[in-house]
Amino acid sequence: MLSQQTLSTSQTSENDVCDACGTIVELGSIISANDTLLVLPFNGPDKASVEALADKYIKAAQARFSTVEVNVEFKEVDDLVESTVSLQFECTAEKLIFEMGLSAI
């Protein structure tokens, strides 16, 4: 028979999160079949440094998923260069797999 303490510690709430492989995923998240676009913002003091950082993520996506479509936009705001990298994956699973590995890049 389970003790009251065991029962209370084994219960979970909808706000619990799972920390695995350096990523945090909310349990019970709804995954849409057409959620295939990942938008990554970057900024820095000059275009070369922003481009170098963005390029690391682009190369990682292309190495893992050869069919990923990439769109990069740059704009200057005050003393910063901002970049938006859009990665269009073929399916939601590819996007999720890439997102889970972002901390390793």
PDB file of N, CA and C in Angstrom:
ATOM      1  N   MET A   1       0.841  -1.175   0.000  1.00  0.00           N
ATOM      2  CA  MET A   1       0.000   0.000   0.000  1.00  0.00           C
ATOM      3  C   MET A   1       0.891   1.244   0.000  1.00  0.00           C
ATOM      4  N   LEU A   2       0.517   2.244  -0.823  1.00  0.00           N
ATOM      5  CA  LEU A   2       1.309   3.460  -0.923  1.00  0.00           C
ATOM      6  C   LEU A   2       0.990   4.400   0.226  1.00  0.00           C
ATOM      7  N   SER A   3       2.030   5.020   0.745  1.00  0.00           N
ATOM      8  CA  SER A   3       1.822   5.991   1.814  1.00  0.00           C
ATOM      9  C   SER A   3       1.294   7.291   1.222  1.00  0.00           C
ATOM     10  N   GLN A   4       0.757   8.142   2.072  1.00  0.00           N
ATOM     11  CA  GLN A   4       0.247   9.439   1.635  1.00  0.00           C
ATOM     12  C   GLN A   4       1.372  10.280   1.029  1.00  0.00           C
ATOM     13  N   GLN A   5       2.576  10.186   1.598  1.00  0.00           N
ATOM     14  CA  GLN A   5       3.711  10.951   1.088  1.00  0.00           C
ATOM     15  C   GLN A   5       4.063  10.493  -0.334  1.00  0.00           C
ATOM     16  N   THR A   6       4.075   9.187  -0.571  1.00  0.00           N
ATOM     17  CA  THR A   6       4.367   8.662  -1.894  1.00  0.00           C
ATOM     18  C   THR A   6       3.338   9.142  -2.904  1.00  0.00           C
ATOM     19  N   LEU A   7       2.067   9.132  -2.515  1.00  0.00           N
ATOM     20  CA  LEU A   7       1.016   9.588  -3.412  1.00  0.00           C
ATOM     21  C   LEU A   7       1.174  11.062  -3.752  1.00  0.00           C
ATOM     22  N   SER A   8       1.498  11.872  -2.766  1.00  0.00           N
ATOM     23  CA  SER A   8       1.589  13.309  -3.031  1.00  0.00           C
ATOM     24  C   SER A   8       2.814  13.655  -3.870  1.00  0.00           C
ATOM     25  N   THR A   9       3.900  12.909  -3.740  1.00  0.00           N
ATOM     26  CA  THR A   9       5.085  13.221  -4.535  1.00  0.00           C
ATOM     27  C   THR A   9       4.993  12.665  -5.950  1.00  0.00           C
ATOM     28  N   SER A  10       4.127  11.680  -6.177  1.00  0.00           N
ATOM     29  CA  SER A  10       4.021  11.111  -7.512  1.00  0.00           C
ATOM     30  C   SER A  10       3.001  11.843  -8.375  1.00  0.00           C
ATOM     31  N   GLN A  11       2.206  12.716  -7.771  1.00  0.00           N
ATOM     32  CA  GLN A  11       1.232  13.473  -8.548  1.00  0.00           C
ATOM     33  C   GLN A  11       1.935  14.611  -9.274  1.00  0.00           C
ATOM     34  N   THR A  12       1.464  14.889 -10.481  1.00  0.00           N
ATOM     35  CA  THR A  12       2.056  15.965 -11.265  1.00  0.00           C
ATOM     36  C   THR A  12       1.011  17.029 -11.537  1.00  0.00           C
ATOM     37  N   SER A  13       1.473  18.196 -11.863  1.00  0.00           N
ATOM     38  CA  SER A  13       0.560  19.265 -12.249  1.00  0.00           C
ATOM     39  C   SER A  13       0.794  19.602 -13.707  1.00  0.00           C
ATOM     40  N   GLU A  14      -0.132  20.335 -14.294  1.00  0.00           N
ATOM     41  CA  GLU A  14       0.002  20.671 -15.711  1.00  0.00           C
ATOM     42  C   GLU A  14       1.128  21.648 -15.966  1.00  0.00           C
ATOM     43  N   ASN A  15       1.709  22.260 -14.940  1.00  0.00           N
ATOM     44  CA  ASN A  15       2.790  23.218 -15.113  1.00  0.00           C
ATOM     45  C   ASN A  15       4.177  22.607 -14.935  1.00  0.00           C
ATOM     46  N   ASP A  16       4.245  21.291 -14.703  1.00  0.00           N
ATOM     47  CA  ASP A  16       5.537  20.636 -14.564  1.00  0.00           C
ATOM     48  C   ASP A  16       6.284  20.689 -15.892  1.00  0.00           C
ATOM     49  N   VAL A  17       7.602  20.827 -15.826  1.00  0.00           N
ATOM     50  CA  VAL A  17       8.422  20.816 -17.026  1.00  0.00           C
ATOM     51  C   VAL A  17       9.448  19.707 -16.925  1.00  0.00           C
ATOM     52  N   CYS A  18       9.906  19.261 -18.061  1.00  0.00           N
ATOM     53  CA  CYS A  18      10.899  18.201 -18.133  1.00  0.00           C
ATOM     54  C   CYS A  18      12.209  18.815 -18.606  1.00  0.00           C
ATOM     55  N   ASP A  19      13.291  18.585 -17.892  1.00  0.00           N
ATOM     56  CA  ASP A  19      14.597  19.109 -18.276  1.00  0.00           C
ATOM     57  C   ASP A  19      15.445  17.930 -18.740  1.00  0.00           C
ATOM     58  N   ALA A  20      15.621  17.820 -20.056  1.00  0.00           N
ATOM     59  CA  ALA A  20      16.370  16.697 -20.613  1.00  0.00           C
ATOM     60  C   ALA A  20      17.321  17.208 -21.690  1.00  0.00           C
ATOM     61  N   CYS A  21      18.539  16.776 -21.630  1.00  0.00           N
ATOM     62  CA  CYS A  21      19.539  17.137 -22.633  1.00  0.00           C
ATOM     63  C   CYS A  21      19.687  18.638 -22.788  1.00  0.00           C
ATOM     64  N   GLY A  22      19.534  19.388 -21.710  1.00  0.00           N
ATOM     65  CA  GLY A  22      19.710  20.829 -21.783  1.00  0.00           C
ATOM     66  C   GLY A  22      18.541  21.561 -22.395  1.00  0.00           C
ATOM     67  N   THR A  23      17.417  20.893 -22.618  1.00  0.00           N
ATOM     68  CA  THR A  23      16.245  21.543 -23.181  1.00  0.00           C
ATOM     69  C   THR A  23      15.097  21.468 -22.189  1.00  0.00           C
ATOM     70  N   ILE A  24      14.188  22.385 -22.323  1.00  0.00           N
ATOM     71  CA  ILE A  24      13.007  22.361 -21.468  1.00  0.00           C
ATOM     72  C   ILE A  24      11.792  22.243 -22.368  1.00  0.00           C
ATOM     73  N   VAL A  25      10.985  21.244 -22.117  1.00  0.00           N
ATOM     74  CA  VAL A  25       9.785  21.001 -22.905  1.00  0.00           C
ATOM     75  C   VAL A  25       8.626  20.915 -21.939  1.00  0.00           C
ATOM     76  N   GLU A  26       7.583  21.667 -22.206  1.00  0.00           N
ATOM     77  CA  GLU A  26       6.405  21.583 -21.359  1.00  0.00           C
ATOM     78  C   GLU A  26       5.657  20.305 -21.693  1.00  0.00           C
ATOM     79  N   LEU A  27       5.331  19.548 -20.661  1.00  0.00           N
ATOM     80  CA  LEU A  27       4.580  18.323 -20.875  1.00  0.00           C
ATOM     81  C   LEU A  27       3.160  18.684 -21.271  1.00  0.00           C
ATOM     82  N   GLY A  28       2.627  17.973 -22.224  1.00  0.00           N
ATOM     83  CA  GLY A  28       1.268  18.217 -22.658  1.00  0.00           C
ATOM     84  C   GLY A  28       1.158  19.304 -23.704  1.00  0.00           C
ATOM     85  N   SER A  29       2.284  19.749 -24.262  1.00  0.00           N
ATOM     86  CA  SER A  29       2.231  20.752 -25.319  1.00  0.00           C
ATOM     87  C   SER A  29       1.520  20.167 -26.532  1.00  0.00           C
ATOM     88  N   ILE A  30       0.761  21.002 -27.190  1.00  0.00           N
ATOM     89  CA  ILE A  30       0.069  20.561 -28.393  1.00  0.00           C
ATOM     90  C   ILE A  30       0.981  20.823 -29.583  1.00  0.00           C
ATOM     91  N   ILE A  31       1.197  19.791 -30.375  1.00  0.00           N
ATOM     92  CA  ILE A  31       2.083  19.893 -31.535  1.00  0.00           C
ATOM     93  C   ILE A  31       1.211  19.933 -32.782  1.00  0.00           C
ATOM     94  N   SER A  32       1.337  21.007 -33.526  1.00  0.00           N
ATOM     95  CA  SER A  32       0.565  21.174 -34.753  1.00  0.00           C
ATOM     96  C   SER A  32       1.311  20.529 -35.916  1.00  0.00           C
ATOM     97  N   ALA A  33       0.597  19.873 -36.778  1.00  0.00           N
ATOM     98  CA  ALA A  33       1.211  19.176 -37.913  1.00  0.00           C
ATOM     99  C   ALA A  33       1.873  20.129 -38.898  1.00  0.00           C
ATOM    100  N   ASN A  34       1.452  21.376 -38.925  1.00  0.00           N
ATOM    101  CA  ASN A  34       2.036  22.308 -39.889  1.00  0.00           C
ATOM    102  C   ASN A  34       2.876  23.392 -39.226  1.00  0.00           C
ATOM    103  N   ASP A  35       3.414  23.106 -38.048  1.00  0.00           N
ATOM    104  CA  ASP A  35       4.302  24.037 -37.341  1.00  0.00           C
ATOM    105  C   ASP A  35       5.733  23.741 -37.788  1.00  0.00           C
ATOM    106  N   THR A  36       6.085  24.246 -38.960  1.00  0.00           N
ATOM    107  CA  THR A  36       7.367  23.884 -39.570  1.00  0.00           C
ATOM    108  C   THR A  36       8.327  25.055 -39.717  1.00  0.00           C
ATOM    109  N   LEU A  37       7.927  26.250 -39.297  1.00  0.00           N
ATOM    110  CA  LEU A  37       8.768  27.434 -39.458  1.00  0.00           C
ATOM    111  C   LEU A  37       9.387  27.839 -38.123  1.00  0.00           C
ATOM    112  N   LEU A  38      10.707  27.914 -38.105  1.00  0.00           N
ATOM    113  CA  LEU A  38      11.438  28.366 -36.919  1.00  0.00           C
ATOM    114  C   LEU A  38      12.103  29.691 -37.266  1.00  0.00           C
ATOM    115  N   VAL A  39      11.840  30.722 -36.459  1.00  0.00           N
ATOM    116  CA  VAL A  39      12.413  32.046 -36.683  1.00  0.00           C
ATOM    117  C   VAL A  39      13.377  32.342 -35.538  1.00  0.00           C
ATOM    118  N   LEU A  40      14.639  32.602 -35.890  1.00  0.00           N
ATOM    119  CA  LEU A  40      15.681  32.870 -34.901  1.00  0.00           C
ATOM    120  C   LEU A  40      16.177  34.311 -35.053  1.00  0.00           C
ATOM    121  N   PRO A  41      16.066  35.121 -34.000  1.00  0.00           N
ATOM    122  CA  PRO A  41      16.580  36.492 -34.063  1.00  0.00           C
ATOM    123  C   PRO A  41      18.016  36.564 -33.546  1.00  0.00           C
ATOM    124  N   PHE A  42      18.837  37.366 -34.198  1.00  0.00           N
ATOM    125  CA  PHE A  42      20.216  37.599 -33.769  1.00  0.00           C
ATOM    126  C   PHE A  42      20.487  39.095 -33.825  1.00  0.00           C
ATOM    127  N   ASN A  43      21.400  39.583 -32.965  1.00  0.00           N
ATOM    128  CA  ASN A  43      21.829  40.980 -33.065  1.00  0.00           C
ATOM    129  C   ASN A  43      23.245  41.109 -32.546  1.00  0.00           C
ATOM    130  N   GLY A  44      23.907  42.164 -32.994  1.00  0.00           N
ATOM    131  CA  GLY A  44      25.282  42.394 -32.584  1.00  0.00           C
ATOM    132  C   GLY A  44      25.764  43.747 -33.067  1.00  0.00           C
ATOM    133  N   PRO A  45      27.010  44.075 -32.760  1.00  0.00           N
ATOM    134  CA  PRO A  45      27.529  45.405 -33.079  1.00  0.00           C
ATOM    135  C   PRO A  45      27.831  45.620 -34.563  1.00  0.00           C
ATOM    136  N   ASP A  46      28.060  44.522 -35.314  1.00  0.00           N
ATOM    137  CA  ASP A  46      28.369  44.678 -36.733  1.00  0.00           C
ATOM    138  C   ASP A  46      27.830  43.478 -37.513  1.00  0.00           C
ATOM    139  N   LYS A  47      27.699  43.673 -38.820  1.00  0.00           N
ATOM    140  CA  LYS A  47      27.106  42.635 -39.661  1.00  0.00           C
ATOM    141  C   LYS A  47      27.938  41.359 -39.674  1.00  0.00           C
ATOM    142  N   ALA A  48      29.249  41.483 -39.658  1.00  0.00           N
ATOM    143  CA  ALA A  48      30.118  40.302 -39.713  1.00  0.00           C
ATOM    144  C   ALA A  48      29.901  39.378 -38.512  1.00  0.00           C
ATOM    145  N   SER A  49      29.790  39.945 -37.316  1.00  0.00           N
ATOM    146  CA  SER A  49      29.607  39.104 -36.125  1.00  0.00           C
ATOM    147  C   SER A  49      28.217  38.463 -36.095  1.00  0.00           C
ATOM    148  N   VAL A  50      27.211  39.213 -36.528  1.00  0.00           N
ATOM    149  CA  VAL A  50      25.849  38.668 -36.574  1.00  0.00           C
ATOM    150  C   VAL A  50      25.760  37.585 -37.640  1.00  0.00           C
ATOM    151  N   GLU A  51      26.368  37.837 -38.778  1.00  0.00           N
ATOM    152  CA  GLU A  51      26.375  36.865 -39.864  1.00  0.00           C
ATOM    153  C   GLU A  51      27.075  35.573 -39.442  1.00  0.00           C
ATOM    154  N   ALA A  52      28.183  35.690 -38.722  1.00  0.00           N
ATOM    155  CA  ALA A  52      28.929  34.509 -38.265  1.00  0.00           C
ATOM    156  C   ALA A  52      28.095  33.669 -37.300  1.00  0.00           C
ATOM    157  N   LEU A  53      27.396  34.337 -36.389  1.00  0.00           N
ATOM    158  CA  LEU A  53      26.563  33.615 -35.425  1.00  0.00           C
ATOM    159  C   LEU A  53      25.385  32.937 -36.127  1.00  0.00           C
ATOM    160  N   ALA A  54      24.710  33.681 -36.982  1.00  0.00           N
ATOM    161  CA  ALA A  54      23.575  33.121 -37.711  1.00  0.00           C
ATOM    162  C   ALA A  54      24.017  31.947 -38.579  1.00  0.00           C
ATOM    163  N   ASP A  55      25.181  32.056 -39.173  1.00  0.00           N
ATOM    164  CA  ASP A  55      25.697  31.013 -40.053  1.00  0.00           C
ATOM    165  C   ASP A  55      25.907  29.689 -39.318  1.00  0.00           C
ATOM    166  N   LYS A  56      26.294  29.751 -38.044  1.00  0.00           N
ATOM    167  CA  LYS A  56      26.451  28.521 -37.244  1.00  0.00           C
ATOM    168  C   LYS A  56      25.134  27.750 -37.185  1.00  0.00           C
ATOM    169  N   TYR A  57      24.039  28.468 -36.960  1.00  0.00           N
ATOM    170  CA  TYR A  57      22.728  27.826 -36.854  1.00  0.00           C
ATOM    171  C   TYR A  57      22.239  27.336 -38.219  1.00  0.00           C
ATOM    172  N   ILE A  58      22.490  28.117 -39.251  1.00  0.00           N
ATOM    173  CA  ILE A  58      22.093  27.714 -40.599  1.00  0.00           C
ATOM    174  C   ILE A  58      22.830  26.446 -41.016  1.00  0.00           C
ATOM    175  N   LYS A  59      24.141  26.417 -40.795  1.00  0.00           N
ATOM    176  CA  LYS A  59      24.931  25.230 -41.160  1.00  0.00           C
ATOM    177  C   LYS A  59      24.498  24.003 -40.366  1.00  0.00           C
ATOM    178  N   ALA A  60      24.171  24.195 -39.082  1.00  0.00           N
ATOM    179  CA  ALA A  60      23.719  23.072 -38.255  1.00  0.00           C
ATOM    180  C   ALA A  60      22.392  22.523 -38.781  1.00  0.00           C
ATOM    181  N   ALA A  61      21.492  23.415 -39.171  1.00  0.00           N
ATOM    182  CA  ALA A  61      20.198  22.971 -39.702  1.00  0.00           C
ATOM    183  C   ALA A  61      20.384  22.240 -41.032  1.00  0.00           C
ATOM    184  N   GLN A  62      21.222  22.795 -41.893  1.00  0.00           N
ATOM    185  CA  GLN A  62      21.446  22.175 -43.202  1.00  0.00           C
ATOM    186  C   GLN A  62      22.201  20.854 -43.097  1.00  0.00           C
ATOM    187  N   ALA A  63      23.076  20.729 -42.121  1.00  0.00           N
ATOM    188  CA  ALA A  63      23.808  19.473 -41.929  1.00  0.00           C
ATOM    189  C   ALA A  63      22.869  18.362 -41.476  1.00  0.00           C
ATOM    190  N   ARG A  64      21.906  18.716 -40.646  1.00  0.00           N
ATOM    191  CA  ARG A  64      20.982  17.715 -40.104  1.00  0.00           C
ATOM    192  C   ARG A  64      19.827  17.425 -41.056  1.00  0.00           C
ATOM    193  N   PHE A  65      19.338  18.490 -41.720  1.00  0.00           N
ATOM    194  CA  PHE A  65      18.174  18.370 -42.600  1.00  0.00           C
ATOM    195  C   PHE A  65      18.484  19.058 -43.933  1.00  0.00           C
ATOM    196  N   SER A  66      18.857  18.279 -44.921  1.00  0.00           N
ATOM    197  CA  SER A  66      19.318  18.841 -46.199  1.00  0.00           C
ATOM    198  C   SER A  66      18.231  19.592 -46.960  1.00  0.00           C
ATOM    199  N   THR A  67      16.971  19.370 -46.636  1.00  0.00           N
ATOM    200  CA  THR A  67      15.880  20.019 -47.362  1.00  0.00           C
ATOM    201  C   THR A  67      15.381  21.296 -46.692  1.00  0.00           C
ATOM    202  N   VAL A  68      15.996  21.698 -45.588  1.00  0.00           N
ATOM    203  CA  VAL A  68      15.540  22.909 -44.899  1.00  0.00           C
ATOM    204  C   VAL A  68      15.745  24.123 -45.796  1.00  0.00           C
ATOM    205  N   GLU A  69      14.727  24.991 -45.841  1.00  0.00           N
ATOM    206  CA  GLU A  69      14.812  26.221 -46.629  1.00  0.00           C
ATOM    207  C   GLU A  69      15.176  27.367 -45.690  1.00  0.00           C
ATOM    208  N   VAL A  70      16.116  28.198 -46.122  1.00  0.00           N
ATOM    209  CA  VAL A  70      16.651  29.264 -45.268  1.00  0.00           C
ATOM    210  C   VAL A  70      16.370  30.627 -45.882  1.00  0.00           C
ATOM    211  N   ASN A  71      15.931  31.556 -45.033  1.00  0.00           N
ATOM    212  CA  ASN A  71      15.758  32.943 -45.440  1.00  0.00           C
ATOM    213  C   ASN A  71      16.402  33.810 -44.358  1.00  0.00           C
ATOM    214  N   VAL A  72      17.260  34.743 -44.769  1.00  0.00           N
ATOM    215  CA  VAL A  72      17.966  35.603 -43.818  1.00  0.00           C
ATOM    216  C   VAL A  72      17.692  37.066 -44.166  1.00  0.00           C
ATOM    217  N   GLU A  73      17.350  37.842 -43.166  1.00  0.00           N
ATOM    218  CA  GLU A  73      17.134  39.276 -43.343  1.00  0.00           C
ATOM    219  C   GLU A  73      18.001  40.035 -42.349  1.00  0.00           C
ATOM    220  N   PHE A  74      18.606  41.121 -42.807  1.00  0.00           N
ATOM    221  CA  PHE A  74      19.416  41.985 -41.942  1.00  0.00           C
ATOM    222  C   PHE A  74      18.826  43.387 -41.951  1.00  0.00           C
ATOM    223  N   LYS A  75      18.935  44.063 -40.800  1.00  0.00           N
ATOM    224  CA  LYS A  75      18.598  45.485 -40.753  1.00  0.00           C
ATOM    225  C   LYS A  75      19.403  46.136 -39.633  1.00  0.00           C
ATOM    226  N   GLU A  76      19.695  47.412 -39.822  1.00  0.00           N
ATOM    227  CA  GLU A  76      20.441  48.169 -38.823  1.00  0.00           C
ATOM    228  C   GLU A  76      19.473  48.993 -37.996  1.00  0.00           C
ATOM    229  N   VAL A  77      19.600  48.869 -36.678  1.00  0.00           N
ATOM    230  CA  VAL A  77      18.760  49.617 -35.751  1.00  0.00           C
ATOM    231  C   VAL A  77      19.687  50.279 -34.736  1.00  0.00           C
ATOM    232  N   ASP A  78      19.723  51.597 -34.764  1.00  0.00           N
ATOM    233  CA  ASP A  78      20.625  52.365 -33.903  1.00  0.00           C
ATOM    234  C   ASP A  78      22.058  51.875 -34.103  1.00  0.00           C
ATOM    235  N   ASP A  79      22.690  51.392 -33.038  1.00  0.00           N
ATOM    236  CA  ASP A  79      24.079  50.922 -33.134  1.00  0.00           C
ATOM    237  C   ASP A  79      24.175  49.402 -33.263  1.00  0.00           C
ATOM    238  N   LEU A  80      23.050  48.746 -33.568  1.00  0.00           N
ATOM    239  CA  LEU A  80      23.029  47.286 -33.661  1.00  0.00           C
ATOM    240  C   LEU A  80      22.644  46.830 -35.063  1.00  0.00           C
ATOM    241  N   VAL A  81      23.152  45.676 -35.416  1.00  0.00           N
ATOM    242  CA  VAL A  81      22.703  44.991 -36.626  1.00  0.00           C
ATOM    243  C   VAL A  81      21.826  43.844 -36.161  1.00  0.00           C
ATOM    244  N   GLU A  82      20.606  43.780 -36.687  1.00  0.00           N
ATOM    245  CA  GLU A  82      19.676  42.709 -36.336  1.00  0.00           C
ATOM    246  C   GLU A  82      19.492  41.797 -37.531  1.00  0.00           C
ATOM    247  N   SER A  83      19.372  40.528 -37.240  1.00  0.00           N
ATOM    248  CA  SER A  83      19.157  39.532 -38.290  1.00  0.00           C
ATOM    249  C   SER A  83      18.028  38.607 -37.865  1.00  0.00           C
ATOM    250  N   THR A  84      17.223  38.234 -38.835  1.00  0.00           N
ATOM    251  CA  THR A  84      16.177  37.245 -38.601  1.00  0.00           C
ATOM    252  C   THR A  84      16.440  36.090 -39.561  1.00  0.00           C
ATOM    253  N   VAL A  85      16.646  34.909 -38.990  1.00  0.00           N
ATOM    254  CA  VAL A  85      16.873  33.706 -39.787  1.00  0.00           C
ATOM    255  C   VAL A  85      15.607  32.858 -39.704  1.00  0.00           C
ATOM    256  N   SER A  86      15.022  32.585 -40.850  1.00  0.00           N
ATOM    257  CA  SER A  86      13.835  31.732 -40.911  1.00  0.00           C
ATOM    258  C   SER A  86      14.236  30.388 -41.495  1.00  0.00           C
ATOM    259  N   LEU A  87      13.927  29.335 -40.763  1.00  0.00           N
ATOM    260  CA  LEU A  87      14.224  27.973 -41.206  1.00  0.00           C
ATOM    261  C   LEU A  87      12.903  27.253 -41.437  1.00  0.00           C
ATOM    262  N   GLN A  88      12.655  26.880 -42.671  1.00  0.00           N
ATOM    263  CA  GLN A  88      11.419  26.175 -43.032  1.00  0.00           C
ATOM    264  C   GLN A  88      11.736  24.695 -43.183  1.00  0.00           C
ATOM    265  N   PHE A  89      11.227  23.889 -42.247  1.00  0.00           N
ATOM    266  CA  PHE A  89      11.470  22.451 -42.262  1.00  0.00           C
ATOM    267  C   PHE A  89      10.357  21.746 -43.025  1.00  0.00           C
ATOM    268  N   GLU A  90      10.615  20.519 -43.460  1.00  0.00           N
ATOM    269  CA  GLU A  90       9.608  19.752 -44.196  1.00  0.00           C
ATOM    270  C   GLU A  90       8.470  19.284 -43.312  1.00  0.00           C
ATOM    271  N   CYS A  91       8.765  19.020 -42.039  1.00  0.00           N
ATOM    272  CA  CYS A  91       7.717  18.553 -41.135  1.00  0.00           C
ATOM    273  C   CYS A  91       8.002  19.045 -39.716  1.00  0.00           C
ATOM    274  N   THR A  92       6.991  18.984 -38.895  1.00  0.00           N
ATOM    275  CA  THR A  92       7.084  19.457 -37.521  1.00  0.00           C
ATOM    276  C   THR A  92       8.134  18.687 -36.730  1.00  0.00           C
ATOM    277  N   ALA A  93       8.259  17.395 -36.984  1.00  0.00           N
ATOM    278  CA  ALA A  93       9.234  16.587 -36.253  1.00  0.00           C
ATOM    279  C   ALA A  93      10.656  17.103 -36.475  1.00  0.00           C
ATOM    280  N   GLU A  94      10.980  17.481 -37.719  1.00  0.00           N
ATOM    281  CA  GLU A  94      12.313  18.024 -37.997  1.00  0.00           C
ATOM    282  C   GLU A  94      12.545  19.306 -37.199  1.00  0.00           C
ATOM    283  N   LYS A  95      11.549  20.173 -37.180  1.00  0.00           N
ATOM    284  CA  LYS A  95      11.682  21.427 -36.433  1.00  0.00           C
ATOM    285  C   LYS A  95      11.900  21.146 -34.953  1.00  0.00           C
ATOM    286  N   LEU A  96      11.117  20.248 -34.373  1.00  0.00           N
ATOM    287  CA  LEU A  96      11.249  19.926 -32.955  1.00  0.00           C
ATOM    288  C   LEU A  96      12.609  19.319 -32.631  1.00  0.00           C
ATOM    289  N   ILE A  97      13.075  18.429 -33.492  1.00  0.00           N
ATOM    290  CA  ILE A  97      14.389  17.806 -33.279  1.00  0.00           C
ATOM    291  C   ILE A  97      15.477  18.870 -33.298  1.00  0.00           C
ATOM    292  N   PHE A  98      15.396  19.797 -34.257  1.00  0.00           N
ATOM    293  CA  PHE A  98      16.388  20.863 -34.339  1.00  0.00           C
ATOM    294  C   PHE A  98      16.306  21.771 -33.108  1.00  0.00           C
ATOM    295  N   GLU A  99      15.100  22.139 -32.695  1.00  0.00           N
ATOM    296  CA  GLU A  99      14.923  22.996 -31.518  1.00  0.00           C
ATOM    297  C   GLU A  99      15.518  22.359 -30.255  1.00  0.00           C
ATOM    298  N   MET A 100      15.333  21.058 -30.100  1.00  0.00           N
ATOM    299  CA  MET A 100      15.845  20.380 -28.919  1.00  0.00           C
ATOM    300  C   MET A 100      17.372  20.379 -28.883  1.00  0.00           C
ATOM    301  N   GLY A 101      18.001  20.500 -30.034  1.00  0.00           N
ATOM    302  CA  GLY A 101      19.456  20.501 -30.089  1.00  0.00           C
ATOM    303  C   GLY A 101      20.070  21.899 -30.119  1.00  0.00           C
ATOM    304  N   LEU A 102      19.260  22.951 -30.034  1.00  0.00           N
ATOM    305  CA  LEU A 102      19.772  24.318 -30.136  1.00  0.00           C
ATOM    306  C   LEU A 102      20.833  24.646 -29.077  1.00  0.00           C
ATOM    307  N   SER A 103      20.687  24.104 -27.891  1.00  0.00           N
ATOM    308  CA  SER A 103      21.651  24.439 -26.821  1.00  0.00           C
ATOM    309  C   SER A 103      23.041  23.876 -27.101  1.00  0.00           C
ATOM    310  N   ALA A 104      23.150  22.920 -28.006  1.00  0.00           N
ATOM    311  CA  ALA A 104      24.453  22.321 -28.320  1.00  0.00           C
ATOM    312  C   ALA A 104      25.209  23.068 -29.426  1.00  0.00           C
ATOM    313  N   ILE A 105      24.545  24.036 -30.038  1.00  0.00           N
ATOM    314  CA  ILE A 105      25.171  24.764 -31.155  1.00  0.00           C
ATOM    315  C   ILE A 105      26.052  25.873 -30.617  1.00  0.00           C
TER     316      ILE A 105
END
